[in-house]
Amino acid sequence: MEKRTAGMPARLPPTIGFSYFLGVESYRSQVRMTASLAAMIGITLYLIFALDHPFGGAVRVEPDDFRLVLERVGPVNYSN
């Protein structure tokens, strides 16, 4: 785990724990809301990791794809 995301696991239990202070009367609704919050946090962390490492993992960008784009589009001039 990288240095900037090393503290994330320590922050997750208090964040999810605070959802119990929302004062919902129905236990089932409380469980659904907490599960939804945990799922959203998990999916967000997964997307952050996946987008931060585009050249590794199951879905990755190969160098041949970049070469194909360069052939079709051409080099980009950023000096303007």
Protein backbone atom coordinates (compact mmCIF):
# COMPACT_ATOMS: atom_id res chain seq x y z
CA MET A 1 0.00 0.00 0.00
CA GLU A 2 1.34 3.43 -0.89
CA LYS A 3 2.22 5.99 1.73
CA ARG A 4 -0.68 8.32 0.89
CA THR A 5 -3.29 5.56 1.28
CA ALA A 6 -1.70 3.74 4.23
CA GLY A 7 -4.01 5.41 6.78
CA MET A 8 -7.21 4.62 4.90
CA PRO A 9 -8.01 1.28 6.60
CA ALA A 10 -7.75 2.92 10.02
CA ARG A 11 -10.30 5.58 9.02
CA LEU A 12 -12.93 3.20 7.64
CA PRO A 13 -14.36 1.67 10.87
CA PRO A 14 -15.10 5.07 12.49
CA THR A 15 -16.69 6.30 9.27
CA ILE A 16 -18.98 3.31 9.04
CA GLY A 17 -19.55 3.39 12.81
CA PHE A 18 -20.87 6.95 12.62
CA SER A 19 -23.74 5.71 10.47
CA TYR A 20 -25.22 4.12 13.62
CA PHE A 21 -25.79 7.62 15.07
CA LEU A 22 -28.30 8.53 12.36
CA GLY A 23 -31.22 7.52 14.57
CA VAL A 24 -33.16 5.25 12.24
CA GLU A 25 -35.95 3.41 14.04
CA SER A 26 -35.91 0.34 11.82
CA TYR A 27 -32.97 -2.00 12.34
CA ARG A 28 -33.30 -3.36 8.79
CA SER A 29 -33.09 0.13 7.32
CA GLN A 30 -30.03 0.84 9.44
CA VAL A 31 -28.32 -2.33 8.21
CA ARG A 32 -29.15 -1.48 4.59
CA MET A 33 -27.80 2.05 4.91
CA THR A 34 -24.61 0.86 6.61
CA ALA A 35 -24.08 -1.87 4.02
CA SER A 36 -24.63 0.65 1.22
CA LEU A 37 -22.11 3.05 2.77
CA ALA A 38 -19.55 0.27 3.18
CA ALA A 39 -20.10 -0.86 -0.43
CA MET A 40 -19.71 2.67 -1.78
CA ILE A 41 -16.47 3.16 0.16
CA GLY A 42 -15.15 -0.20 -1.02
CA ILE A 43 -15.99 0.46 -4.66
CA THR A 44 -14.44 3.92 -4.46
CA LEU A 45 -11.20 2.56 -3.00
CA TYR A 46 -11.09 -0.14 -5.68
CA LEU A 47 -11.56 2.45 -8.44
CA ILE A 48 -8.88 4.71 -6.96
CA PHE A 49 -6.42 1.80 -6.94
CA ALA A 50 -7.39 0.57 -10.42
CA LEU A 51 -7.15 4.01 -12.02
CA ASP A 52 -3.88 4.76 -10.23
CA HIS A 53 -2.25 1.66 -11.77
CA PRO A 54 -3.43 1.54 -15.42
CA PHE A 55 -0.55 -0.67 -16.61
CA GLY A 56 -1.09 -3.54 -14.18
CA GLY A 57 -3.88 -5.82 -13.06
CA ALA A 58 -6.48 -7.77 -14.99
CA VAL A 59 -7.63 -4.79 -17.06
CA ARG A 60 -4.55 -2.96 -18.25
CA VAL A 61 -3.45 -0.76 -21.11
CA GLU A 62 -0.83 -2.37 -23.31
CA PRO A 63 1.93 -0.36 -25.03
CA ASP A 64 0.64 -1.48 -28.44
CA ASP A 65 -2.58 0.42 -27.79
CA PHE A 66 -0.64 3.64 -27.21
CA ARG A 67 1.34 3.09 -30.40
CA LEU A 68 -1.89 2.60 -32.35
CA VAL A 69 -3.29 5.88 -31.02
CA LEU A 70 -0.07 7.70 -31.91
CA GLU A 71 -0.25 6.34 -35.45
CA ARG A 72 -3.87 7.40 -35.91
CA VAL A 73 -3.86 10.73 -34.10
CA GLY A 74 -0.23 11.76 -34.38
CA PRO A 75 1.91 13.60 -31.88
CA VAL A 76 0.31 16.37 -29.83
CA ASN A 77 1.87 19.84 -29.78
CA TYR A 78 1.34 21.44 -26.37
CA SER A 79 3.34 24.61 -27.08
CA ASN A 80 0.35 26.61 -28.35
